[in-house]
């Protein structure tokens, strides 16, 4: 079903896969324990990969890594990856400007 809520979560992980920031916008993972397990799954599947898009647990994950940061934007499996990538690029560029 079409929705204006394109982003389900924004997650920033360190280079060990530990949460630095996470904001979930729906109840896909209601408890902190489920959220942390999902974040570990994302990190284990993406930290050695060169691609920028992954499909995990029925969700589309777009991510970008810097030297020691992993930024992830999560949407539904039917979500347009270009929209999620635009959100990710905006977030990543903003963080890069602030942390120079």
PDB file of N, CA and C in Angstrom:
ATOM      1  N   UNK A   1       0.833  -1.176   0.000  1.00  0.00           N
ATOM      2  CA  UNK A   1       0.000   0.000   0.000  1.00  0.00           C
ATOM      3  C   UNK A   1       0.881   1.244   0.000  1.00  0.00           C
ATOM      4  N   UNK A   2       0.572   2.262  -0.762  1.00  0.00           N
ATOM      5  CA  UNK A   2       1.371   3.483  -0.808  1.00  0.00           C
ATOM      6  C   UNK A   2       1.294   4.243   0.516  1.00  0.00           C
ATOM      7  N   UNK A   3       2.403   4.854   0.874  1.00  0.00           N
ATOM      8  CA  UNK A   3       2.469   5.601   2.120  1.00  0.00           C
ATOM      9  C   UNK A   3       3.497   6.714   2.002  1.00  0.00           C
ATOM     10  N   UNK A   4       3.312   7.759   2.771  1.00  0.00           N
ATOM     11  CA  UNK A   4       4.302   8.833   2.816  1.00  0.00           C
ATOM     12  C   UNK A   4       5.465   8.479   3.728  1.00  0.00           C
ATOM     13  N   UNK A   5       5.289   7.444   4.537  1.00  0.00           N
ATOM     14  CA  UNK A   5       6.327   7.033   5.465  1.00  0.00           C
ATOM     15  C   UNK A   5       7.290   6.082   4.760  1.00  0.00           C
ATOM     16  N   UNK A   6       8.276   6.640   4.094  1.00  0.00           N
ATOM     17  CA  UNK A   6       9.185   5.819   3.302  1.00  0.00           C
ATOM     18  C   UNK A   6      10.316   5.246   4.139  1.00  0.00           C
ATOM     19  N   UNK A   7      10.712   5.933   5.181  1.00  0.00           N
ATOM     20  CA  UNK A   7      11.832   5.490   6.007  1.00  0.00           C
ATOM     21  C   UNK A   7      11.293   4.801   7.248  1.00  0.00           C
ATOM     22  N   UNK A   8      11.727   3.571   7.470  1.00  0.00           N
ATOM     23  CA  UNK A   8      11.320   2.835   8.661  1.00  0.00           C
ATOM     24  C   UNK A   8      12.290   3.038   9.810  1.00  0.00           C
ATOM     25  N   UNK A   9      13.578   3.276   9.483  1.00  0.00           N
ATOM     26  CA  UNK A   9      14.572   3.475  10.546  1.00  0.00           C
ATOM     27  C   UNK A   9      15.820   4.127   9.973  1.00  0.00           C
ATOM     28  N   UNK A  10      16.528   4.826  10.841  1.00  0.00           N
ATOM     29  CA  UNK A  10      17.860   5.365  10.541  1.00  0.00           C
ATOM     30  C   UNK A  10      18.773   4.864  11.648  1.00  0.00           C
ATOM     31  N   UNK A  11      19.884   4.261  11.245  1.00  0.00           N
ATOM     32  CA  UNK A  11      20.798   3.659  12.208  1.00  0.00           C
ATOM     33  C   UNK A  11      22.217   4.101  11.884  1.00  0.00           C
ATOM     34  N   UNK A  12      22.974   4.465  12.912  1.00  0.00           N
ATOM     35  CA  UNK A  12      24.399   4.768  12.762  1.00  0.00           C
ATOM     36  C   UNK A  12      25.149   3.839  13.710  1.00  0.00           C
ATOM     37  N   UNK A  13      26.067   3.059  13.130  1.00  0.00           N
ATOM     38  CA  UNK A  13      26.847   2.086  13.891  1.00  0.00           C
ATOM     39  C   UNK A  13      28.316   2.455  13.851  1.00  0.00           C
ATOM     40  N   UNK A  14      29.069   2.025  14.874  1.00  0.00           N
ATOM     41  CA  UNK A  14      30.514   2.228  14.839  1.00  0.00           C
ATOM     42  C   UNK A  14      31.166   1.077  14.087  1.00  0.00           C
ATOM     43  N   UNK A  15      32.494   1.062  14.038  1.00  0.00           N
ATOM     44  CA  UNK A  15      33.171   0.044  13.239  1.00  0.00           C
ATOM     45  C   UNK A  15      33.155  -1.344  13.883  1.00  0.00           C
ATOM     46  N   UNK A  16      32.610  -1.468  15.093  1.00  0.00           N
ATOM     47  CA  UNK A  16      32.418  -2.772  15.728  1.00  0.00           C
ATOM     48  C   UNK A  16      30.973  -3.246  15.635  1.00  0.00           C
ATOM     49  N   UNK A  17      30.114  -2.453  15.021  1.00  0.00           N
ATOM     50  CA  UNK A  17      28.712  -2.816  14.893  1.00  0.00           C
ATOM     51  C   UNK A  17      27.861  -2.407  16.081  1.00  0.00           C
ATOM     52  N   UNK A  18      28.408  -1.594  16.966  1.00  0.00           N
ATOM     53  CA  UNK A  18      27.648  -1.120  18.124  1.00  0.00           C
ATOM     54  C   UNK A  18      26.866   0.130  17.758  1.00  0.00           C
ATOM     55  N   UNK A  19      25.706   0.263  18.324  1.00  0.00           N
ATOM     56  CA  UNK A  19      24.806   1.383  18.040  1.00  0.00           C
ATOM     57  C   UNK A  19      25.372   2.693  18.589  1.00  0.00           C
ATOM     58  N   UNK A  20      25.459   3.691  17.709  1.00  0.00           N
ATOM     59  CA  UNK A  20      25.736   5.056  18.121  1.00  0.00           C
ATOM     60  C   UNK A  20      24.447   5.868  18.145  1.00  0.00           C
ATOM     61  N   UNK A  21      23.601   5.606  17.163  1.00  0.00           N
ATOM     62  CA  UNK A  21      22.306   6.269  17.072  1.00  0.00           C
ATOM     63  C   UNK A  21      21.356   5.343  16.334  1.00  0.00           C
ATOM     64  N   UNK A  22      20.113   5.309  16.785  1.00  0.00           N
ATOM     65  CA  UNK A  22      19.090   4.541  16.085  1.00  0.00           C
ATOM     66  C   UNK A  22      17.736   5.187  16.347  1.00  0.00           C
ATOM     67  N   UNK A  23      16.999   5.381  15.280  1.00  0.00           N
ATOM     68  CA  UNK A  23      15.642   5.920  15.380  1.00  0.00           C
ATOM     69  C   UNK A  23      14.749   5.063  14.510  1.00  0.00           C
ATOM     70  N   UNK A  24      13.783   4.386  15.142  1.00  0.00           N
ATOM     71  CA  UNK A  24      12.837   3.541  14.437  1.00  0.00           C
ATOM     72  C   UNK A  24      11.510   4.285  14.354  1.00  0.00           C
ATOM     73  N   UNK A  25      10.936   4.345  13.153  1.00  0.00           N
ATOM     74  CA  UNK A  25       9.727   5.118  12.930  1.00  0.00           C
ATOM     75  C   UNK A  25       8.462   4.285  12.879  1.00  0.00           C
ATOM     76  N   UNK A  26       8.562   2.986  13.113  1.00  0.00           N
ATOM     77  CA  UNK A  26       7.375   2.137  13.204  1.00  0.00           C
ATOM     78  C   UNK A  26       7.641   1.029  14.207  1.00  0.00           C
ATOM     79  N   UNK A  27       6.716   0.107  14.329  1.00  0.00           N
ATOM     80  CA  UNK A  27       6.832  -0.956  15.327  1.00  0.00           C
ATOM     81  C   UNK A  27       7.287  -2.278  14.727  1.00  0.00           C
ATOM     82  N   UNK A  28       8.119  -2.235  13.699  1.00  0.00           N
ATOM     83  CA  UNK A  28       8.632  -3.475  13.123  1.00  0.00           C
ATOM     84  C   UNK A  28       9.466  -4.227  14.155  1.00  0.00           C
ATOM     85  N   UNK A  29      10.291  -3.503  14.902  1.00  0.00           N
ATOM     86  CA  UNK A  29      11.098  -4.067  15.984  1.00  0.00           C
ATOM     87  C   UNK A  29      10.765  -3.286  17.256  1.00  0.00           C
ATOM     88  N   UNK A  30       9.754  -3.734  18.018  1.00  0.00           N
ATOM     89  CA  UNK A  30       9.270  -2.927  19.140  1.00  0.00           C
ATOM     90  C   UNK A  30      10.201  -2.887  20.353  1.00  0.00           C
ATOM     91  N   UNK A  31      10.951  -3.935  20.616  1.00  0.00           N
ATOM     92  CA  UNK A  31      11.798  -3.937  21.812  1.00  0.00           C
ATOM     93  C   UNK A  31      13.246  -3.616  21.449  1.00  0.00           C
ATOM     94  N   UNK A  32      13.975  -3.128  22.440  1.00  0.00           N
ATOM     95  CA  UNK A  32      15.382  -2.787  22.233  1.00  0.00           C
ATOM     96  C   UNK A  32      16.189  -4.033  21.907  1.00  0.00           C
ATOM     97  N   UNK A  33      15.825  -5.162  22.504  1.00  0.00           N
ATOM     98  CA  UNK A  33      16.536  -6.419  22.232  1.00  0.00           C
ATOM     99  C   UNK A  33      16.397  -6.813  20.764  1.00  0.00           C
ATOM    100  N   UNK A  34      15.194  -6.695  20.209  1.00  0.00           N
ATOM    101  CA  UNK A  34      14.977  -7.013  18.788  1.00  0.00           C
ATOM    102  C   UNK A  34      15.704  -6.012  17.888  1.00  0.00           C
ATOM    103  N   UNK A  35      15.720  -4.754  18.282  1.00  0.00           N
ATOM    104  CA  UNK A  35      16.411  -3.732  17.502  1.00  0.00           C
ATOM    105  C   UNK A  35      17.904  -4.017  17.450  1.00  0.00           C
ATOM    106  N   UNK A  36      18.488  -4.338  18.586  1.00  0.00           N
ATOM    107  CA  UNK A  36      19.930  -4.623  18.627  1.00  0.00           C
ATOM    108  C   UNK A  36      20.281  -5.877  17.826  1.00  0.00           C
ATOM    109  N   UNK A  37      19.423  -6.888  17.867  1.00  0.00           N
ATOM    110  CA  UNK A  37      19.664  -8.100  17.075  1.00  0.00           C
ATOM    111  C   UNK A  37      19.597  -7.773  15.585  1.00  0.00           C
ATOM    112  N   UNK A  38      18.652  -6.933  15.185  1.00  0.00           N
ATOM    113  CA  UNK A  38      18.540  -6.512  13.791  1.00  0.00           C
ATOM    114  C   UNK A  38      19.775  -5.711  13.369  1.00  0.00           C
ATOM    115  N   UNK A  39      20.251  -4.832  14.241  1.00  0.00           N
ATOM    116  CA  UNK A  39      21.440  -4.031  13.931  1.00  0.00           C
ATOM    117  C   UNK A  39      22.679  -4.916  13.792  1.00  0.00           C
ATOM    118  N   UNK A  40      22.810  -5.914  14.638  1.00  0.00           N
ATOM    119  CA  UNK A  40      23.930  -6.862  14.508  1.00  0.00           C
ATOM    120  C   UNK A  40      23.843  -7.621  13.192  1.00  0.00           C
ATOM    121  N   UNK A  41      22.628  -7.997  12.799  1.00  0.00           N
ATOM    122  CA  UNK A  41      22.421  -8.690  11.531  1.00  0.00           C
ATOM    123  C   UNK A  41      22.814  -7.795  10.359  1.00  0.00           C
ATOM    124  N   UNK A  42      22.409  -6.542  10.400  1.00  0.00           N
ATOM    125  CA  UNK A  42      22.795  -5.590   9.348  1.00  0.00           C
ATOM    126  C   UNK A  42      24.311  -5.492   9.260  1.00  0.00           C
ATOM    127  N   UNK A  43      24.951  -5.300  10.397  1.00  0.00           N
ATOM    128  CA  UNK A  43      26.407  -5.135  10.395  1.00  0.00           C
ATOM    129  C   UNK A  43      27.119  -6.379   9.886  1.00  0.00           C
ATOM    130  N   UNK A  44      26.674  -7.552  10.313  1.00  0.00           N
ATOM    131  CA  UNK A  44      27.336  -8.783   9.879  1.00  0.00           C
ATOM    132  C   UNK A  44      27.177  -9.019   8.380  1.00  0.00           C
ATOM    133  N   UNK A  45      26.064  -8.597   7.812  1.00  0.00           N
ATOM    134  CA  UNK A  45      25.829  -8.804   6.377  1.00  0.00           C
ATOM    135  C   UNK A  45      26.471  -7.731   5.510  1.00  0.00           C
ATOM    136  N   UNK A  46      26.738  -6.545   6.057  1.00  0.00           N
ATOM    137  CA  UNK A  46      27.162  -5.430   5.209  1.00  0.00           C
ATOM    138  C   UNK A  46      28.581  -4.935   5.435  1.00  0.00           C
ATOM    139  N   UNK A  47      29.223  -5.239   6.540  1.00  0.00           N
ATOM    140  CA  UNK A  47      30.503  -4.585   6.823  1.00  0.00           C
ATOM    141  C   UNK A  47      31.646  -5.030   5.914  1.00  0.00           C
ATOM    142  N   UNK A  48      31.521  -6.136   5.244  1.00  0.00           N
ATOM    143  CA  UNK A  48      32.569  -6.565   4.311  1.00  0.00           C
ATOM    144  C   UNK A  48      32.134  -6.483   2.856  1.00  0.00           C
ATOM    145  N   UNK A  49      30.978  -5.929   2.629  1.00  0.00           N
ATOM    146  CA  UNK A  49      30.420  -5.867   1.284  1.00  0.00           C
ATOM    147  C   UNK A  49      30.719  -4.513   0.644  1.00  0.00           C
ATOM    148  N   UNK A  50      30.896  -4.508  -0.668  1.00  0.00           N
ATOM    149  CA  UNK A  50      31.146  -3.263  -1.392  1.00  0.00           C
ATOM    150  C   UNK A  50      29.868  -2.641  -1.937  1.00  0.00           C
ATOM    151  N   UNK A  51      28.777  -3.382  -1.925  1.00  0.00           N
ATOM    152  CA  UNK A  51      27.533  -2.837  -2.443  1.00  0.00           C
ATOM    153  C   UNK A  51      26.950  -1.857  -1.437  1.00  0.00           C
ATOM    154  N   UNK A  52      25.910  -1.171  -1.837  1.00  0.00           N
ATOM    155  CA  UNK A  52      25.300  -0.177  -0.964  1.00  0.00           C
ATOM    156  C   UNK A  52      23.850  -0.493  -0.639  1.00  0.00           C
ATOM    157  N   UNK A  53      23.341  -1.621  -1.132  1.00  0.00           N
ATOM    158  CA  UNK A  53      21.950  -1.994  -0.919  1.00  0.00           C
ATOM    159  C   UNK A  53      21.900  -3.456  -0.485  1.00  0.00           C
ATOM    160  N   UNK A  54      21.071  -3.730   0.520  1.00  0.00           N
ATOM    161  CA  UNK A  54      20.879  -5.106   0.978  1.00  0.00           C
ATOM    162  C   UNK A  54      19.402  -5.317   1.274  1.00  0.00           C
ATOM    163  N   UNK A  55      18.955  -6.545   1.108  1.00  0.00           N
ATOM    164  CA  UNK A  55      17.597  -6.930   1.487  1.00  0.00           C
ATOM    165  C   UNK A  55      17.705  -7.888   2.671  1.00  0.00           C
ATOM    166  N   UNK A  56      17.217  -7.453   3.825  1.00  0.00           N
ATOM    167  CA  UNK A  56      17.292  -8.254   5.039  1.00  0.00           C
ATOM    168  C   UNK A  56      15.934  -8.282   5.730  1.00  0.00           C
ATOM    169  N   UNK A  57      15.491  -9.447   6.093  1.00  0.00           N
ATOM    170  CA  UNK A  57      14.240  -9.618   6.858  1.00  0.00           C
ATOM    171  C   UNK A  57      13.058  -8.908   6.204  1.00  0.00           C
ATOM    172  N   UNK A  58      13.005  -8.903   4.888  1.00  0.00           N
ATOM    173  CA  UNK A  58      11.905  -8.256   4.193  1.00  0.00           C
ATOM    174  C   UNK A  58      11.993  -6.738   4.169  1.00  0.00           C
ATOM    175  N   UNK A  59      13.167  -6.198   4.435  1.00  0.00           N
ATOM    176  CA  UNK A  59      13.373  -4.755   4.433  1.00  0.00           C
ATOM    177  C   UNK A  59      14.514  -4.396   3.489  1.00  0.00           C
ATOM    178  N   UNK A  60      14.436  -3.214   2.915  1.00  0.00           N
ATOM    179  CA  UNK A  60      15.515  -2.702   2.070  1.00  0.00           C
ATOM    180  C   UNK A  60      16.426  -1.853   2.937  1.00  0.00           C
ATOM    181  N   UNK A  61      17.715  -2.174   2.918  1.00  0.00           N
ATOM    182  CA  UNK A  61      18.700  -1.441   3.705  1.00  0.00           C
ATOM    183  C   UNK A  61      19.693  -0.809   2.741  1.00  0.00           C
ATOM    184  N   UNK A  62      19.791   0.516   2.772  1.00  0.00           N
ATOM    185  CA  UNK A  62      20.846   1.198   2.031  1.00  0.00           C
ATOM    186  C   UNK A  62      21.826   1.726   3.072  1.00  0.00           C
ATOM    187  N   UNK A  63      23.100   1.602   2.773  1.00  0.00           N
ATOM    188  CA  UNK A  63      24.098   1.963   3.771  1.00  0.00           C
ATOM    189  C   UNK A  63      25.331   2.547   3.106  1.00  0.00           C
ATOM    190  N   UNK A  64      26.053   3.284   3.889  1.00  0.00           N
ATOM    191  CA  UNK A  64      27.293   3.896   3.438  1.00  0.00           C
ATOM    192  C   UNK A  64      28.238   3.891   4.626  1.00  0.00           C
ATOM    193  N   UNK A  65      29.497   3.588   4.352  1.00  0.00           N
ATOM    194  CA  UNK A  65      30.457   3.548   5.448  1.00  0.00           C
ATOM    195  C   UNK A  65      31.568   4.551   5.206  1.00  0.00           C
ATOM    196  N   UNK A  66      32.024   5.100   6.290  1.00  0.00           N
ATOM    197  CA  UNK A  66      33.189   5.969   6.273  1.00  0.00           C
ATOM    198  C   UNK A  66      34.301   5.193   6.962  1.00  0.00           C
ATOM    199  N   UNK A  67      35.281   5.857   7.469  1.00  0.00           N
ATOM    200  CA  UNK A  67      36.399   5.170   8.109  1.00  0.00           C
ATOM    201  C   UNK A  67      35.922   4.334   9.295  1.00  0.00           C
ATOM    202  N   UNK A  68      35.118   4.915  10.165  1.00  0.00           N
ATOM    203  CA  UNK A  68      34.667   4.185  11.344  1.00  0.00           C
ATOM    204  C   UNK A  68      33.176   4.369  11.631  1.00  0.00           C
ATOM    205  N   UNK A  69      32.404   4.746  10.629  1.00  0.00           N
ATOM    206  CA  UNK A  69      30.965   4.934  10.786  1.00  0.00           C
ATOM    207  C   UNK A  69      30.206   4.160   9.716  1.00  0.00           C
ATOM    208  N   UNK A  70      29.102   3.559  10.100  1.00  0.00           N
ATOM    209  CA  UNK A  70      28.188   2.917   9.158  1.00  0.00           C
ATOM    210  C   UNK A  70      26.827   3.590   9.312  1.00  0.00           C
ATOM    211  N   UNK A  71      26.386   4.253   8.262  1.00  0.00           N
ATOM    212  CA  UNK A  71      25.072   4.890   8.258  1.00  0.00           C
ATOM    213  C   UNK A  71      24.128   4.027   7.444  1.00  0.00           C
ATOM    214  N   UNK A  72      22.962   3.725   8.012  1.00  0.00           N
ATOM    215  CA  UNK A  72      21.980   2.875   7.347  1.00  0.00           C
ATOM    216  C   UNK A  72      20.623   3.550   7.359  1.00  0.00           C
ATOM    217  N   UNK A  73      19.930   3.448   6.237  1.00  0.00           N
ATOM    218  CA  UNK A  73      18.549   3.891   6.138  1.00  0.00           C
ATOM    219  C   UNK A  73      17.740   2.675   5.715  1.00  0.00           C
ATOM    220  N   UNK A  74      16.673   2.394   6.453  1.00  0.00           N
ATOM    221  CA  UNK A  74      15.884   1.196   6.228  1.00  0.00           C
ATOM    222  C   UNK A  74      14.489   1.582   5.752  1.00  0.00           C
ATOM    223  N   UNK A  75      14.020   0.867   4.727  1.00  0.00           N
ATOM    224  CA  UNK A  75      12.666   1.042   4.211  1.00  0.00           C
ATOM    225  C   UNK A  75      12.049  -0.316   3.952  1.00  0.00           C
ATOM    226  N   UNK A  76      10.814  -0.338   3.522  1.00  0.00           N
ATOM    227  CA  UNK A  76      10.158  -1.613   3.242  1.00  0.00           C
ATOM    228  C   UNK A  76      10.760  -2.236   1.978  1.00  0.00           C
ATOM    229  N   UNK A  77      10.461  -3.495   1.751  1.00  0.00           N
ATOM    230  CA  UNK A  77      11.025  -4.214   0.605  1.00  0.00           C
ATOM    231  C   UNK A  77      10.537  -3.643  -0.719  1.00  0.00           C
ATOM    232  N   UNK A  78       9.382  -3.007  -0.718  1.00  0.00           N
ATOM    233  CA  UNK A  78       8.834  -2.435  -1.950  1.00  0.00           C
ATOM    234  C   UNK A  78       9.231  -0.977  -2.150  1.00  0.00           C
ATOM    235  N   UNK A  79      10.021  -0.448  -1.238  1.00  0.00           N
ATOM    236  CA  UNK A  79      10.406   0.963  -1.309  1.00  0.00           C
ATOM    237  C   UNK A  79      11.440   1.199  -2.409  1.00  0.00           C
ATOM    238  N   UNK A  80      11.367   2.361  -3.007  1.00  0.00           N
ATOM    239  CA  UNK A  80      12.303   2.753  -4.047  1.00  0.00           C
ATOM    240  C   UNK A  80      13.674   3.015  -3.420  1.00  0.00           C
ATOM    241  N   UNK A  81      14.690   2.306  -3.901  1.00  0.00           N
ATOM    242  CA  UNK A  81      16.033   2.442  -3.349  1.00  0.00           C
ATOM    243  C   UNK A  81      16.616   3.832  -3.595  1.00  0.00           C
ATOM    244  N   UNK A  82      16.214   4.476  -4.677  1.00  0.00           N
ATOM    245  CA  UNK A  82      16.733   5.817  -4.963  1.00  0.00           C
ATOM    246  C   UNK A  82      16.263   6.836  -3.932  1.00  0.00           C
ATOM    247  N   UNK A  83      15.033   6.700  -3.463  1.00  0.00           N
ATOM    248  CA  UNK A  83      14.535   7.599  -2.415  1.00  0.00           C
ATOM    249  C   UNK A  83      15.302   7.376  -1.114  1.00  0.00           C
ATOM    250  N   UNK A  84      15.516   6.129  -0.768  1.00  0.00           N
ATOM    251  CA  UNK A  84      16.258   5.830   0.455  1.00  0.00           C
ATOM    252  C   UNK A  84      17.710   6.291   0.343  1.00  0.00           C
ATOM    253  N   UNK A  85      18.301   6.153  -0.839  1.00  0.00           N
ATOM    254  CA  UNK A  85      19.667   6.603  -1.054  1.00  0.00           C
ATOM    255  C   UNK A  85      19.770   8.122  -0.950  1.00  0.00           C
ATOM    256  N   UNK A  86      18.757   8.837  -1.406  1.00  0.00           N
ATOM    257  CA  UNK A  86      18.753  10.294  -1.285  1.00  0.00           C
ATOM    258  C   UNK A  86      18.747  10.708   0.190  1.00  0.00           C
ATOM    259  N   UNK A  87      17.956  10.016   1.009  1.00  0.00           N
ATOM    260  CA  UNK A  87      17.940  10.296   2.445  1.00  0.00           C
ATOM    261  C   UNK A  87      19.303   9.983   3.058  1.00  0.00           C
ATOM    262  N   UNK A  88      19.877   8.853   2.680  1.00  0.00           N
ATOM    263  CA  UNK A  88      21.181   8.451   3.197  1.00  0.00           C
ATOM    264  C   UNK A  88      22.256   9.455   2.825  1.00  0.00           C
ATOM    265  N   UNK A  89      22.280   9.893   1.577  1.00  0.00           N
ATOM    266  CA  UNK A  89      23.299  10.858   1.146  1.00  0.00           C
ATOM    267  C   UNK A  89      23.175  12.180   1.893  1.00  0.00           C
ATOM    268  N   UNK A  90      21.952  12.629   2.114  1.00  0.00           N
ATOM    269  CA  UNK A  90      21.726  13.859   2.861  1.00  0.00           C
ATOM    270  C   UNK A  90      22.240  13.707   4.297  1.00  0.00           C
ATOM    271  N   UNK A  91      21.918  12.604   4.938  1.00  0.00           N
ATOM    272  CA  UNK A  91      22.382  12.351   6.292  1.00  0.00           C
ATOM    273  C   UNK A  91      23.903  12.265   6.354  1.00  0.00           C
ATOM    274  N   UNK A  92      24.484  11.512   5.441  1.00  0.00           N
ATOM    275  CA  UNK A  92      25.928  11.302   5.433  1.00  0.00           C
ATOM    276  C   UNK A  92      26.675  12.609   5.170  1.00  0.00           C
ATOM    277  N   UNK A  93      26.209  13.405   4.204  1.00  0.00           N
ATOM    278  CA  UNK A  93      26.850  14.681   3.899  1.00  0.00           C
ATOM    279  C   UNK A  93      26.719  15.661   5.059  1.00  0.00           C
ATOM    280  N   UNK A  94      25.574  15.661   5.722  1.00  0.00           N
ATOM    281  CA  UNK A  94      25.379  16.548   6.874  1.00  0.00           C
ATOM    282  C   UNK A  94      26.318  16.179   8.014  1.00  0.00           C
ATOM    283  N   UNK A  95      26.437  14.882   8.291  1.00  0.00           N
ATOM    284  CA  UNK A  95      27.367  14.441   9.340  1.00  0.00           C
ATOM    285  C   UNK A  95      28.806  14.765   8.970  1.00  0.00           C
ATOM    286  N   UNK A  96      29.168  14.597   7.721  1.00  0.00           N
ATOM    287  CA  UNK A  96      30.524  14.895   7.275  1.00  0.00           C
ATOM    288  C   UNK A  96      30.850  16.368   7.465  1.00  0.00           C
ATOM    289  N   UNK A  97      29.901  17.248   7.154  1.00  0.00           N
ATOM    290  CA  UNK A  97      30.103  18.685   7.337  1.00  0.00           C
ATOM    291  C   UNK A  97      30.245  19.043   8.818  1.00  0.00           C
ATOM    292  N   UNK A  98      29.416  18.436   9.646  1.00  0.00           N
ATOM    293  CA  UNK A  98      29.445  18.769  11.075  1.00  0.00           C
ATOM    294  C   UNK A  98      30.683  18.235  11.774  1.00  0.00           C
ATOM    295  N   UNK A  99      31.211  17.102  11.333  1.00  0.00           N
ATOM    296  CA  UNK A  99      32.306  16.441  12.047  1.00  0.00           C
ATOM    297  C   UNK A  99      33.675  16.673  11.413  1.00  0.00           C
ATOM    298  N   UNK A 100      33.789  17.629  10.539  1.00  0.00           N
ATOM    299  CA  UNK A 100      35.105  17.894   9.936  1.00  0.00           C
ATOM    300  C   UNK A 100      36.099  18.359  10.948  1.00  0.00           C
TER     301      UNK A 100
END
